[in-house]
PDB file of N, CA and C in Angstrom:
ATOM      1  N   MET A   1    -108.085 -79.558  47.917  1.00  0.00           N
ATOM      2  CA  MET A   1    -108.655 -80.060  46.956  1.00  0.00           C
ATOM      3  C   MET A   1    -107.748 -81.439  46.925  1.00  0.00           C
ATOM      4  N   ALA A   2    -108.290 -82.459  46.652  1.00  0.00           N
ATOM      5  CA  ALA A   2    -107.736 -83.919  47.029  1.00  0.00           C
ATOM      6  C   ALA A   2    -107.249 -84.561  45.529  1.00  0.00           C
ATOM      7  N   ARG A   3    -106.135 -84.997  45.894  1.00  0.00           N
ATOM      8  CA  ARG A   3    -105.120 -85.665  44.811  1.00  0.00           C
ATOM      9  C   ARG A   3    -106.029 -87.280  44.421  1.00  0.00           C
ATOM     10  N   ASP A   4    -105.646 -87.338  43.330  1.00  0.00           N
ATOM     11  CA  ASP A   4    -106.061 -88.752  42.741  1.00  0.00           C
ATOM     12  C   ASP A   4    -104.652 -89.411  43.444  1.00  0.00           C
ATOM     13  N   SER A   5    -104.925 -90.799  43.895  1.00  0.00           N
ATOM     14  CA  SER A   5    -103.460 -91.355  44.545  1.00  0.00           C
ATOM     15  C   SER A   5    -102.596 -91.856  43.116  1.00  0.00           C
ATOM     16  N   ASP A   6    -103.322 -91.944  41.933  1.00  0.00           N
ATOM     17  CA  ASP A   6    -102.025 -92.345  40.784  1.00  0.00           C
ATOM     18  C   ASP A   6    -101.738 -90.903  40.348  1.00  0.00           C
ATOM     19  N   ASP A   7    -101.815 -89.635  40.820  1.00  0.00           N
ATOM     20  CA  ASP A   7    -101.255 -88.266  40.321  1.00  0.00           C
ATOM     21  C   ASP A   7     -99.753 -88.397  41.124  1.00  0.00           C
ATOM     22  N   ARG A   8     -98.989 -88.242  39.971  1.00  0.00           N
ATOM     23  CA  ARG A   8     -97.285 -88.523  40.819  1.00  0.00           C
ATOM     24  C   ARG A   8     -97.104 -87.233  41.388  1.00  0.00           C
ATOM     25  N   SER A   9     -97.683 -85.871  41.642  1.00  0.00           N
ATOM     26  CA  SER A   9     -97.532 -85.199  42.767  1.00  0.00           C
ATOM     27  C   SER A   9     -97.889 -85.179  44.053  1.00  0.00           C
ATOM     28  N   ALA A  10     -98.593 -86.177  44.154  1.00  0.00           N
ATOM     29  CA  ALA A  10     -99.067 -86.753  45.479  1.00  0.00           C
ATOM     30  C   ALA A  10     -98.117 -86.886  46.392  1.00  0.00           C
ATOM     31  N   THR A  11     -97.820 -86.421  47.802  1.00  0.00           N
ATOM     32  CA  THR A  11     -97.279 -86.687  48.698  1.00  0.00           C
ATOM     33  C   THR A  11     -97.197 -88.069  48.799  1.00  0.00           C
ATOM     34  N   PRO A  12     -95.879 -88.307  48.859  1.00  0.00           N
ATOM     35  CA  PRO A  12     -95.542 -90.283  48.917  1.00  0.00           C
ATOM     36  C   PRO A  12     -96.259 -90.771  50.231  1.00  0.00           C
ATOM     37  N   LEU A  13     -96.897 -91.357  50.715  1.00  0.00           N
ATOM     38  CA  LEU A  13     -97.156 -91.923  52.049  1.00  0.00           C
ATOM     39  C   LEU A  13     -97.513 -93.134  51.766  1.00  0.00           C
ATOM     40  N   PRO A  14     -97.305 -94.223  52.717  1.00  0.00           N
ATOM     41  CA  PRO A  14     -97.574 -95.275  53.201  1.00  0.00           C
ATOM     42  C   PRO A  14     -99.385 -95.279  52.647  1.00  0.00           C
ATOM     43  N   GLY A  15     -99.272 -96.527  51.722  1.00  0.00           N
ATOM     44  CA  GLY A  15    -100.497 -97.152  51.252  1.00  0.00           C
ATOM     45  C   GLY A  15    -100.854 -96.620  49.777  1.00  0.00           C
ATOM     46  N   ARG A  16    -100.292 -95.416  49.444  1.00  0.00           N
ATOM     47  CA  ARG A  16    -100.272 -94.677  48.023  1.00  0.00           C
ATOM     48  C   ARG A  16     -99.116 -95.034  47.068  1.00  0.00           C
ATOM     49  N   PRO A  17     -99.584 -95.422  45.916  1.00  0.00           N
ATOM     50  CA  PRO A  17     -98.465 -96.117  44.675  1.00  0.00           C
ATOM     51  C   PRO A  17     -97.470 -95.021  44.538  1.00  0.00           C
ATOM     52  N   VAL A  18     -96.111 -95.414  44.926  1.00  0.00           N
ATOM     53  CA  VAL A  18     -95.248 -94.744  45.029  1.00  0.00           C
ATOM     54  C   VAL A  18     -93.944 -95.282  44.381  1.00  0.00           C
ATOM     55  N   ARG A  19     -93.283 -94.839  43.657  1.00  0.00           N
ATOM     56  CA  ARG A  19     -91.653 -95.066  43.107  1.00  0.00           C
ATOM     57  C   ARG A  19     -91.180 -96.392  43.695  1.00  0.00           C
ATOM     58  N   GLY A  20     -91.352 -97.359  42.964  1.00  0.00           N
ATOM     59  CA  GLY A  20     -90.584 -98.696  43.378  1.00  0.00           C
ATOM     60  C   GLY A  20     -91.815 -99.686  43.961  1.00  0.00           C
ATOM     61  N   SER A  21     -93.048 -98.910  44.491  1.00  0.00           N
ATOM     62  CA  SER A  21     -93.999 -99.696  45.236  1.00  0.00           C
ATOM     63  C   SER A  21     -95.633 -99.592  44.699  1.00  0.00           C
ATOM     64  N   ALA A  22     -96.509-100.226  43.871  1.00  0.00           N
ATOM     65  CA  ALA A  22     -97.619-100.154  43.907  1.00  0.00           C
ATOM     66  C   ALA A  22     -98.408-100.225  44.586  1.00  0.00           C
ATOM     67  N   THR A  23     -98.090-100.986  46.291  1.00  0.00           N
ATOM     68  CA  THR A  23     -99.185-100.955  47.113  1.00  0.00           C
ATOM     69  C   THR A  23     -98.474-100.270  48.168  1.00  0.00           C
ATOM     70  N   GLY A  24     -97.612 -99.188  48.061  1.00  0.00           N
ATOM     71  CA  GLY A  24     -97.034 -98.140  48.452  1.00  0.00           C
ATOM     72  C   GLY A  24     -96.808 -98.495  49.853  1.00  0.00           C
ATOM     73  N   ARG A  25     -95.829 -99.478  50.143  1.00  0.00           N
ATOM     74  CA  ARG A  25     -95.209-100.243  51.478  1.00  0.00           C
ATOM     75  C   ARG A  25     -94.423 -99.276  51.737  1.00  0.00           C
ATOM     76  N   PRO A  26     -94.739 -98.669  53.344  1.00  0.00           N
ATOM     77  CA  PRO A  26     -94.026 -97.668  54.363  1.00  0.00           C
ATOM     78  C   PRO A  26     -92.751 -97.273  53.825  1.00  0.00           C
ATOM     79  N   ILE A  27     -91.855 -98.420  53.794  1.00  0.00           N
ATOM     80  CA  ILE A  27     -90.452 -97.824  53.357  1.00  0.00           C
ATOM     81  C   ILE A  27     -90.158 -97.536  52.007  1.00  0.00           C
ATOM     82  N   MET A  28     -90.656 -97.717  51.056  1.00  0.00           N
ATOM     83  CA  MET A  28     -91.143 -97.212  49.783  1.00  0.00           C
ATOM     84  C   MET A  28     -91.885 -96.196  49.916  1.00  0.00           C
ATOM     85  N   ALA A  29     -92.803 -95.635  50.225  1.00  0.00           N
ATOM     86  CA  ALA A  29     -93.026 -94.375  50.816  1.00  0.00           C
ATOM     87  C   ALA A  29     -92.053 -93.845  51.122  1.00  0.00           C
ATOM     88  N   LEU A  30     -91.404 -94.019  52.274  1.00  0.00           N
ATOM     89  CA  LEU A  30     -90.358 -93.217  52.952  1.00  0.00           C
ATOM     90  C   LEU A  30     -89.301 -92.687  52.376  1.00  0.00           C
ATOM     91  N   LEU A  31     -88.752 -93.765  51.396  1.00  0.00           N
ATOM     92  CA  LEU A  31     -87.646 -93.276  50.631  1.00  0.00           C
ATOM     93  C   LEU A  31     -87.758 -92.616  49.135  1.00  0.00           C
ATOM     94  N   ASP A  32     -89.300 -92.894  48.895  1.00  0.00           N
ATOM     95  CA  ASP A  32     -89.535 -91.799  48.110  1.00  0.00           C
ATOM     96  C   ASP A  32     -90.017 -90.326  48.161  1.00  0.00           C
ATOM     97  N   LEU A  33     -90.162 -89.908  49.710  1.00  0.00           N
ATOM     98  CA  LEU A  33     -90.659 -88.826  49.853  1.00  0.00           C
ATOM     99  C   LEU A  33     -89.360 -88.170  50.084  1.00  0.00           C
ATOM    100  N   LEU A  34     -88.294 -88.943  51.074  1.00  0.00           N
ATOM    101  CA  LEU A  34     -86.970 -88.961  50.986  1.00  0.00           C
ATOM    102  C   LEU A  34     -86.080 -88.416  50.039  1.00  0.00           C
ATOM    103  N   GLY A  35     -86.332 -88.893  48.818  1.00  0.00           N
ATOM    104  CA  GLY A  35     -85.453 -88.808  47.606  1.00  0.00           C
ATOM    105  C   GLY A  35     -85.962 -87.400  47.371  1.00  0.00           C
ATOM    106  N   HIS A  36     -87.241 -86.874  47.308  1.00  0.00           N
ATOM    107  CA  HIS A  36     -87.473 -85.393  47.101  1.00  0.00           C
ATOM    108  C   HIS A  36     -86.350 -84.610  47.322  1.00  0.00           C
ATOM    109  N   ARG A  37     -86.047 -83.607  45.837  1.00  0.00           N
ATOM    110  CA  ARG A  37     -84.928 -82.911  45.791  1.00  0.00           C
ATOM    111  C   ARG A  37     -85.072 -81.949  47.296  1.00  0.00           C
ATOM    112  N   TRP A  38     -84.249 -81.936  48.256  1.00  0.00           N
ATOM    113  CA  TRP A  38     -84.029 -80.960  49.322  1.00  0.00           C
ATOM    114  C   TRP A  38     -85.046 -81.243  50.248  1.00  0.00           C
ATOM    115  N   THR A  39     -85.640 -82.255  50.329  1.00  0.00           N
ATOM    116  CA  THR A  39     -86.271 -83.105  51.825  1.00  0.00           C
ATOM    117  C   THR A  39     -85.295 -83.234  52.737  1.00  0.00           C
ATOM    118  N   LEU A  40     -84.392 -84.071  52.297  1.00  0.00           N
ATOM    119  CA  LEU A  40     -83.431 -84.594  53.236  1.00  0.00           C
ATOM    120  C   LEU A  40     -82.813 -83.307  54.260  1.00  0.00           C
ATOM    121  N   ARG A  41     -82.567 -81.959  52.839  1.00  0.00           N
ATOM    122  CA  ARG A  41     -81.360 -80.899  54.071  1.00  0.00           C
ATOM    123  C   ARG A  41     -82.718 -80.011  54.951  1.00  0.00           C
ATOM    124  N   ILE A  42     -83.767 -80.569  54.490  1.00  0.00           N
ATOM    125  CA  ILE A  42     -84.817 -79.490  55.375  1.00  0.00           C
ATOM    126  C   ILE A  42     -85.243 -80.043  56.628  1.00  0.00           C
ATOM    127  N   ILE A  43     -85.161 -81.345  56.626  1.00  0.00           N
ATOM    128  CA  ILE A  43     -85.467 -82.394  57.818  1.00  0.00           C
ATOM    129  C   ILE A  43     -83.924 -82.310  58.514  1.00  0.00           C
ATOM    130  N   TRP A  44     -82.587 -82.075  58.102  1.00  0.00           N
ATOM    131  CA  TRP A  44     -81.438 -81.942  58.596  1.00  0.00           C
ATOM    132  C   TRP A  44     -81.467 -80.423  59.176  1.00  0.00           C
ATOM    133  N   GLU A  45     -81.759 -79.437  58.845  1.00  0.00           N
ATOM    134  CA  GLU A  45     -82.008 -77.861  59.186  1.00  0.00           C
ATOM    135  C   GLU A  45     -83.026 -77.651  60.285  1.00  0.00           C
ATOM    136  N   LEU A  46     -84.194 -78.641  60.217  1.00  0.00           N
ATOM    137  CA  LEU A  46     -84.978 -78.496  61.309  1.00  0.00           C
ATOM    138  C   LEU A  46     -84.603 -78.905  62.460  1.00  0.00           C
ATOM    139  N   ALA A  47     -83.242 -79.965  62.374  1.00  0.00           N
ATOM    140  CA  ALA A  47     -83.284 -80.809  63.269  1.00  0.00           C
ATOM    141  C   ALA A  47     -82.049 -80.051  64.061  1.00  0.00           C
ATOM    142  N   GLN A  48     -81.569 -79.535  63.723  1.00  0.00           N
ATOM    143  CA  GLN A  48     -80.332 -78.480  64.402  1.00  0.00           C
ATOM    144  C   GLN A  48     -80.985 -77.118  64.774  1.00  0.00           C
ATOM    145  N   THR A  49     -81.780 -76.962  64.166  1.00  0.00           N
ATOM    146  CA  THR A  49     -82.456 -75.055  64.621  1.00  0.00           C
ATOM    147  C   THR A  49     -83.646 -75.256  64.375  1.00  0.00           C
ATOM    148  N   PRO A  50     -84.776 -75.779  65.378  1.00  0.00           N
ATOM    149  CA  PRO A  50     -86.348 -75.785  65.278  1.00  0.00           C
ATOM    150  C   PRO A  50     -86.602 -74.426  65.635  1.00  0.00           C
ATOM    151  N   GLY A  51     -87.662 -73.991  64.475  1.00  0.00           N
ATOM    152  CA  GLY A  51     -88.157 -72.705  64.642  1.00  0.00           C
ATOM    153  C   GLY A  51     -88.009 -71.592  63.266  1.00  0.00           C
ATOM    154  N   PRO A  52     -87.127 -72.250  62.768  1.00  0.00           N
ATOM    155  CA  PRO A  52     -87.090 -70.703  61.524  1.00  0.00           C
ATOM    156  C   PRO A  52     -87.996 -70.326  60.968  1.00  0.00           C
ATOM    157  N   THR A  53     -88.364 -69.229  60.471  1.00  0.00           N
ATOM    158  CA  THR A  53     -89.218 -68.543  59.461  1.00  0.00           C
ATOM    159  C   THR A  53     -89.062 -69.320  57.994  1.00  0.00           C
ATOM    160  N   PHE A  54     -90.044 -69.034  57.188  1.00  0.00           N
ATOM    161  CA  PHE A  54     -89.936 -69.544  56.161  1.00  0.00           C
ATOM    162  C   PHE A  54     -88.674 -68.716  55.315  1.00  0.00           C
ATOM    163  N   ARG A  55     -88.188 -67.375  55.426  1.00  0.00           N
ATOM    164  CA  ARG A  55     -87.364 -67.157  54.822  1.00  0.00           C
ATOM    165  C   ARG A  55     -85.976 -67.604  55.440  1.00  0.00           C
ATOM    166  N   GLY A  56     -85.639 -67.837  56.802  1.00  0.00           N
ATOM    167  CA  GLY A  56     -84.630 -68.294  57.586  1.00  0.00           C
ATOM    168  C   GLY A  56     -84.409 -69.414  57.052  1.00  0.00           C
ATOM    169  N   LEU A  57     -85.396 -70.518  56.960  1.00  0.00           N
ATOM    170  CA  LEU A  57     -85.182 -71.918  56.373  1.00  0.00           C
ATOM    171  C   LEU A  57     -84.421 -71.918  54.781  1.00  0.00           C
ATOM    172  N   GLN A  58     -84.892 -70.657  54.352  1.00  0.00           N
ATOM    173  CA  GLN A  58     -84.943 -70.609  52.909  1.00  0.00           C
ATOM    174  C   GLN A  58     -82.787 -70.463  52.713  1.00  0.00           C
ATOM    175  N   GLN A  59     -82.702 -69.336  53.736  1.00  0.00           N
ATOM    176  CA  GLN A  59     -81.054 -68.916  53.617  1.00  0.00           C
ATOM    177  C   GLN A  59     -80.551 -70.237  54.115  1.00  0.00           C
ATOM    178  N   ARG A  60     -80.921 -70.837  55.104  1.00  0.00           N
ATOM    179  CA  ARG A  60     -79.863 -71.897  55.908  1.00  0.00           C
ATOM    180  C   ARG A  60     -79.735 -73.214  54.495  1.00  0.00           C
ATOM    181  N   CYS A  61     -81.361 -73.427  53.788  1.00  0.00           N
ATOM    182  CA  CYS A  61     -80.728 -74.230  52.787  1.00  0.00           C
ATOM    183  C   CYS A  61     -79.996 -74.181  51.630  1.00  0.00           C
ATOM    184  N   ASP A  62     -79.393 -72.770  52.197  1.00  0.00           N
ATOM    185  CA  ASP A  62     -78.291 -72.182  50.366  1.00  0.00           C
ATOM    186  C   ASP A  62     -79.535 -71.980  49.608  1.00  0.00           C
ATOM    187  N   GLY A  63     -80.246 -71.351  49.712  1.00  0.00           N
ATOM    188  CA  GLY A  63     -81.212 -70.649  48.589  1.00  0.00           C
ATOM    189  C   GLY A  63     -82.085 -71.395  47.734  1.00  0.00           C
ATOM    190  N   VAL A  64     -82.610 -72.317  48.585  1.00  0.00           N
ATOM    191  CA  VAL A  64     -83.337 -73.271  47.774  1.00  0.00           C
ATOM    192  C   VAL A  64     -84.782 -72.213  47.000  1.00  0.00           C
ATOM    193  N   SER A  65     -85.373 -72.595  46.159  1.00  0.00           N
ATOM    194  CA  SER A  65     -86.149 -71.644  45.398  1.00  0.00           C
ATOM    195  C   SER A  65     -87.378 -71.577  46.422  1.00  0.00           C
ATOM    196  N   SER A  66     -88.299 -70.621  46.441  1.00  0.00           N
ATOM    197  CA  SER A  66     -89.911 -70.293  47.539  1.00  0.00           C
ATOM    198  C   SER A  66     -90.232 -71.375  46.959  1.00  0.00           C
ATOM    199  N   SER A  67     -90.497 -71.854  45.555  1.00  0.00           N
ATOM    200  CA  SER A  67     -91.441 -72.637  45.251  1.00  0.00           C
ATOM    201  C   SER A  67     -91.266 -74.317  45.676  1.00  0.00           C
ATOM    202  N   VAL A  68     -90.180 -74.090  45.438  1.00  0.00           N
ATOM    203  CA  VAL A  68     -89.566 -75.778  45.832  1.00  0.00           C
ATOM    204  C   VAL A  68     -89.896 -75.930  47.776  1.00  0.00           C
ATOM    205  N   LEU A  69     -89.513 -74.784  48.076  1.00  0.00           N
ATOM    206  CA  LEU A  69     -89.123 -74.658  49.888  1.00  0.00           C
ATOM    207  C   LEU A  69     -90.865 -74.914  50.661  1.00  0.00           C
ATOM    208  N   ALA A  70     -91.744 -74.383  49.833  1.00  0.00           N
ATOM    209  CA  ALA A  70     -93.236 -74.308  49.881  1.00  0.00           C
ATOM    210  C   ALA A  70     -93.777 -75.624  49.410  1.00  0.00           C
ATOM    211  N   GLN A  71     -93.364 -76.179  48.434  1.00  0.00           N
ATOM    212  CA  GLN A  71     -93.758 -77.487  47.897  1.00  0.00           C
ATOM    213  C   GLN A  71     -93.488 -78.692  48.955  1.00  0.00           C
ATOM    214  N   ARG A  72     -92.086 -79.031  49.261  1.00  0.00           N
ATOM    215  CA  ARG A  72     -91.168 -79.725  50.391  1.00  0.00           C
ATOM    216  C   ARG A  72     -92.031 -79.427  51.956  1.00  0.00           C
ATOM    217  N   LEU A  73     -91.979 -78.386  52.195  1.00  0.00           N
ATOM    218  CA  LEU A  73     -92.736 -77.949  53.602  1.00  0.00           C
ATOM    219  C   LEU A  73     -94.347 -78.128  53.234  1.00  0.00           C
ATOM    220  N   ALA A  74     -94.821 -78.626  52.455  1.00  0.00           N
ATOM    221  CA  ALA A  74     -96.466 -78.968  52.492  1.00  0.00           C
ATOM    222  C   ALA A  74     -96.333 -80.700  52.294  1.00  0.00           C
ATOM    223  N   GLU A  75     -95.290 -81.092  51.658  1.00  0.00           N
ATOM    224  CA  GLU A  75     -95.780 -82.569  51.463  1.00  0.00           C
ATOM    225  C   GLU A  75     -95.094 -83.007  52.627  1.00  0.00           C
ATOM    226  N   LEU A  76     -94.004 -82.261  53.537  1.00  0.00           N
ATOM    227  CA  LEU A  76     -93.587 -82.910  54.895  1.00  0.00           C
ATOM    228  C   LEU A  76     -94.848 -82.672  55.868  1.00  0.00           C
ATOM    229  N   GLY A  77     -95.481 -81.268  55.830  1.00  0.00           N
ATOM    230  CA  GLY A  77     -96.661 -81.584  56.569  1.00  0.00           C
ATOM    231  C   GLY A  77     -97.614 -82.477  56.391  1.00  0.00           C
ATOM    232  N   GLU A  78     -98.084 -82.622  55.107  1.00  0.00           N
ATOM    233  CA  GLU A  78     -98.831 -83.885  55.096  1.00  0.00           C
ATOM    234  C   GLU A  78     -98.506 -85.034  55.616  1.00  0.00           C
ATOM    235  N   ALA A  79     -97.074 -85.533  55.552  1.00  0.00           N
ATOM    236  CA  ALA A  79     -96.416 -86.342  55.647  1.00  0.00           C
ATOM    237  C   ALA A  79     -96.751 -86.784  57.651  1.00  0.00           C
ATOM    238  N   GLY A  80     -96.389 -85.555  58.438  1.00  0.00           N
ATOM    239  CA  GLY A  80     -96.833 -85.490  59.499  1.00  0.00           C
ATOM    240  C   GLY A  80     -95.569 -85.249  60.374  1.00  0.00           C
ATOM    241  N   ILE A  81     -94.753 -84.641  59.231  1.00  0.00           N
ATOM    242  CA  ILE A  81     -93.059 -84.366  59.831  1.00  0.00           C
ATOM    243  C   ILE A  81     -92.544 -83.463  60.144  1.00  0.00           C
ATOM    244  N   VAL A  82     -93.037 -82.394  59.722  1.00  0.00           N
ATOM    245  CA  VAL A  82     -92.960 -81.021  60.044  1.00  0.00           C
ATOM    246  C   VAL A  82     -94.094 -80.363  60.521  1.00  0.00           C
ATOM    247  N   HIS A  83     -94.210 -79.610  61.356  1.00  0.00           N
ATOM    248  CA  HIS A  83     -95.553 -78.539  61.390  1.00  0.00           C
ATOM    249  C   HIS A  83     -95.086 -76.865  61.455  1.00  0.00           C
ATOM    250  N   ARG A  84     -96.288 -75.898  61.497  1.00  0.00           N
ATOM    251  CA  ARG A  84     -95.557 -74.557  61.732  1.00  0.00           C
ATOM    252  C   ARG A  84     -96.133 -74.275  63.239  1.00  0.00           C
ATOM    253  N   THR A  85     -94.862 -73.772  63.794  1.00  0.00           N
ATOM    254  CA  THR A  85     -95.078 -73.233  64.592  1.00  0.00           C
ATOM    255  C   THR A  85     -95.735 -71.958  64.720  1.00  0.00           C
ATOM    256  N   GLU A  86     -95.415 -70.786  65.818  1.00  0.00           N
ATOM    257  CA  GLU A  86     -96.011 -69.451  65.965  1.00  0.00           C
ATOM    258  C   GLU A  86     -94.362 -69.121  65.755  1.00  0.00           C
ATOM    259  N   ARG A  87     -93.122 -69.193  65.890  1.00  0.00           N
ATOM    260  CA  ARG A  87     -92.179 -68.971  65.154  1.00  0.00           C
ATOM    261  C   ARG A  87     -91.923 -69.354  64.182  1.00  0.00           C
ATOM    262  N   GLY A  88     -92.000 -70.358  63.496  1.00  0.00           N
ATOM    263  CA  GLY A  88     -91.787 -70.682  62.003  1.00  0.00           C
ATOM    264  C   GLY A  88     -91.921 -71.885  61.987  1.00  0.00           C
ATOM    265  N   TYR A  89     -91.081 -72.904  61.660  1.00  0.00           N
ATOM    266  CA  TYR A  89     -91.213 -74.448  61.329  1.00  0.00           C
ATOM    267  C   TYR A  89     -90.058 -75.055  62.361  1.00  0.00           C
ATOM    268  N   ALA A  90     -90.948 -76.356  62.408  1.00  0.00           N
ATOM    269  CA  ALA A  90     -90.206 -77.152  63.554  1.00  0.00           C
ATOM    270  C   ALA A  90     -90.833 -78.801  62.923  1.00  0.00           C
ATOM    271  N   LEU A  91     -89.780 -79.760  63.330  1.00  0.00           N
ATOM    272  CA  LEU A  91     -90.159 -81.278  63.302  1.00  0.00           C
ATOM    273  C   LEU A  91     -91.174 -81.739  64.400  1.00  0.00           C
ATOM    274  N   THR A  92     -92.160 -82.555  63.785  1.00  0.00           N
ATOM    275  CA  THR A  92     -92.993 -82.994  64.807  1.00  0.00           C
ATOM    276  C   THR A  92     -92.352 -84.107  65.545  1.00  0.00           C
ATOM    277  N   PRO A  93     -93.007 -85.073  66.754  1.00  0.00           N
ATOM    278  CA  PRO A  93     -92.243 -85.573  67.210  1.00  0.00           C
ATOM    279  C   PRO A  93     -91.860 -86.754  66.466  1.00  0.00           C
ATOM    280  N   ASP A  94     -92.448 -86.981  65.344  1.00  0.00           N
ATOM    281  CA  ASP A  94     -92.149 -88.033  64.364  1.00  0.00           C
ATOM    282  C   ASP A  94     -91.173 -87.736  63.499  1.00  0.00           C
ATOM    283  N   GLY A  95     -91.248 -86.383  63.196  1.00  0.00           N
ATOM    284  CA  GLY A  95     -90.071 -85.958  62.224  1.00  0.00           C
ATOM    285  C   GLY A  95     -88.804 -86.301  63.304  1.00  0.00           C
ATOM    286  N   GLN A  96     -88.695 -85.826  64.608  1.00  0.00           N
ATOM    287  CA  GLN A  96     -87.809 -85.596  65.331  1.00  0.00           C
ATOM    288  C   GLN A  96     -87.014 -87.577  65.428  1.00  0.00           C
ATOM    289  N   ASP A  97     -88.128 -88.291  65.574  1.00  0.00           N
ATOM    290  CA  ASP A  97     -87.433 -89.434  65.846  1.00  0.00           C
ATOM    291  C   ASP A  97     -86.964 -90.160  64.251  1.00  0.00           C
ATOM    292  N   LEU A  98     -87.287 -89.322  62.883  1.00  0.00           N
ATOM    293  CA  LEU A  98     -87.036 -89.506  61.913  1.00  0.00           C
ATOM    294  C   LEU A  98     -85.269 -88.774  61.812  1.00  0.00           C
ATOM    295  N   ALA A  99     -85.336 -88.012  62.225  1.00  0.00           N
ATOM    296  CA  ALA A  99     -83.828 -87.294  62.557  1.00  0.00           C
ATOM    297  C   ALA A  99     -82.801 -87.976  63.041  1.00  0.00           C
ATOM    298  N   THR A 100     -83.157 -88.772  64.099  1.00  0.00           N
ATOM    299  CA  THR A 100     -82.358 -89.150  65.183  1.00  0.00           C
ATOM    300  C   THR A 100     -82.274 -90.702  64.059  1.00  0.00           C
ATOM    301  N   ASP A 101     -83.064 -91.076  63.596  1.00  0.00           N
ATOM    302  CA  ASP A 101     -82.734 -92.328  62.465  1.00  0.00           C
ATOM    303  C   ASP A 101     -81.660 -92.227  61.582  1.00  0.00           C
ATOM    304  N   LEU A 102     -82.029 -90.621  61.185  1.00  0.00           N
ATOM    305  CA  LEU A 102     -81.038 -90.247  59.830  1.00  0.00           C
ATOM    306  C   LEU A 102     -79.540 -89.810  60.133  1.00  0.00           C
ATOM    307  N   THR A 103     -79.891 -89.441  61.662  1.00  0.00           N
ATOM    308  CA  THR A 103     -78.225 -89.087  62.429  1.00  0.00           C
ATOM    309  C   THR A 103     -77.325 -90.470  62.204  1.00  0.00           C
ATOM    310  N   ARG A 104     -78.343 -91.968  62.894  1.00  0.00           N
ATOM    311  CA  ARG A 104     -77.569 -92.897  63.061  1.00  0.00           C
ATOM    312  C   ARG A 104     -76.869 -93.462  61.540  1.00  0.00           C
ATOM    313  N   LEU A 105     -77.821 -93.070  60.515  1.00  0.00           N
ATOM    314  CA  LEU A 105     -77.594 -93.376  59.015  1.00  0.00           C
ATOM    315  C   LEU A 105     -76.490 -92.404  58.427  1.00  0.00           C
ATOM    316  N   HIS A 106     -76.389 -91.058  58.914  1.00  0.00           N
ATOM    317  CA  HIS A 106     -75.101 -90.414  58.543  1.00  0.00           C
ATOM    318  C   HIS A 106     -73.986 -91.406  59.204  1.00  0.00           C
ATOM    319  N   HIS A 107     -73.849 -91.397  60.545  1.00  0.00           N
ATOM    320  CA  HIS A 107     -72.656 -91.855  60.688  1.00  0.00           C
ATOM    321  C   HIS A 107     -72.305 -93.216  60.428  1.00  0.00           C
ATOM    322  N   TRP A 108     -73.222 -93.679  59.874  1.00  0.00           N
ATOM    323  CA  TRP A 108     -73.279 -95.342  59.642  1.00  0.00           C
ATOM    324  C   TRP A 108     -72.395 -95.002  58.010  1.00  0.00           C
ATOM    325  N   ALA A 109     -72.392 -93.707  57.583  1.00  0.00           N
ATOM    326  CA  ALA A 109     -72.032 -93.492  55.747  1.00  0.00           C
ATOM    327  C   ALA A 109     -70.339 -92.775  56.088  1.00  0.00           C
ATOM    328  N   ASP A 110     -70.364 -91.971  57.547  1.00  0.00           N
ATOM    329  CA  ASP A 110     -68.787 -91.654  57.616  1.00  0.00           C
ATOM    330  C   ASP A 110     -68.296 -92.432  58.051  1.00  0.00           C
ATOM    331  N   ARG A 111     -68.529 -94.072  58.621  1.00  0.00           N
ATOM    332  CA  ARG A 111     -67.426 -94.785  58.511  1.00  0.00           C
ATOM    333  C   ARG A 111     -67.452 -95.509  57.576  1.00  0.00           C
ATOM    334  N   TRP A 112     -68.647 -96.172  56.495  1.00  0.00           N
ATOM    335  CA  TRP A 112     -68.573 -96.894  55.266  1.00  0.00           C
ATOM    336  C   TRP A 112     -67.680 -95.844  54.647  1.00  0.00           C
ATOM    337  N   ALA A 113     -67.530 -94.637  54.536  1.00  0.00           N
ATOM    338  CA  ALA A 113     -66.440 -93.984  53.615  1.00  0.00           C
ATOM    339  C   ALA A 113     -65.188 -93.869  54.395  1.00  0.00           C
ATOM    340  N   THR A 114     -65.034 -94.211  55.395  1.00  0.00           N
ATOM    341  CA  THR A 114     -63.529 -94.651  56.145  1.00  0.00           C
ATOM    342  C   THR A 114     -63.186 -95.746  55.403  1.00  0.00           C
ATOM    343  N   ARG A 115     -63.799 -96.625  55.579  1.00  0.00           N
ATOM    344  CA  ARG A 115     -63.532 -98.007  55.236  1.00  0.00           C
ATOM    345  C   ARG A 115     -63.218 -98.346  53.669  1.00  0.00           C
ATOM    346  N   MET A 116     -64.120 -97.223  52.741  1.00  0.00           N
ATOM    347  CA  MET A 116     -64.028 -97.344  51.439  1.00  0.00           C
ATOM    348  C   MET A 116     -62.720 -97.135  51.127  1.00  0.00           C
ATOM    349  N   GLN A 117     -62.366 -95.770  52.074  1.00  0.00           N
ATOM    350  CA  GLN A 117     -60.572 -95.145  51.415  1.00  0.00           C
ATOM    351  C   GLN A 117     -59.767 -95.828  51.996  1.00  0.00           C
ATOM    352  N   GLN A 118     -59.954 -96.673  52.914  1.00  0.00           N
ATOM    353  CA  GLN A 118     -58.822 -97.456  53.438  1.00  0.00           C
ATOM    354  C   GLN A 118     -58.498 -99.099  52.675  1.00  0.00           C
ATOM    355  N   ARG A 119     -59.682 -99.190  51.443  1.00  0.00           N
ATOM    356  CA  ARG A 119     -59.755-100.414  50.835  1.00  0.00           C
ATOM    357  C   ARG A 119     -58.293-100.384  49.689  1.00  0.00           C
ATOM    358  N   PRO A 120     -57.569-100.987  49.676  1.00  0.00           N
ATOM    359  CA  PRO A 120     -56.418-101.256  48.435  1.00  0.00           C
ATOM    360  C   PRO A 120     -57.474-100.717  47.167  1.00  0.00           C
ATOM    361  N   LEU A 121     -56.410-100.142  46.155  1.00  0.00           N
ATOM    362  CA  LEU A 121     -57.116 -99.826  44.756  1.00  0.00           C
ATOM    363  C   LEU A 121     -57.056-101.322  43.922  1.00  0.00           C
ATOM    364  N   THR A 122     -58.075-101.598  43.365  1.00  0.00           N
ATOM    365  CA  THR A 122     -58.077-102.667  42.405  1.00  0.00           C
ATOM    366  C   THR A 122     -57.933-102.522  40.953  1.00  0.00           C
TER     367      THR A 122
END
C-alpha cells in the first residue's frame, strides 16, 4: 500500500516532506529518520553484531516492543539502511557507512563532554 507523501507515518526519505523541511532536504530527512525512537540503538546494535534474529535484536535493544522494532526495521529497510539476511538483520553497505559516521559523531560527543566537564562553573 503506497503512502501519501503528506502522511506523517511515512518513512523520512530525501525528497519527501519531513520535520523541518517541506522539500525533504537529504540531511533533514536523515535527521528525522534518526530521531525516531529506537532507530539509533538498532543501527548501533547491528553495527556491533550483524545478523541477529528479530528476537535477538529485541533483547539487545533492552526489550523494545515487537511492534516498535518491526516498524523501525521496516523504515530502515525502506531507507536502504538495514536488510534481512538468511540469519537475521544486518546493515546494508549504506548502513555500514552511516554507522561509521555515527561512530565519529560518538567520539566527538565524548570529547565535547570532557571539555564541558572541564569548564569552570559560571
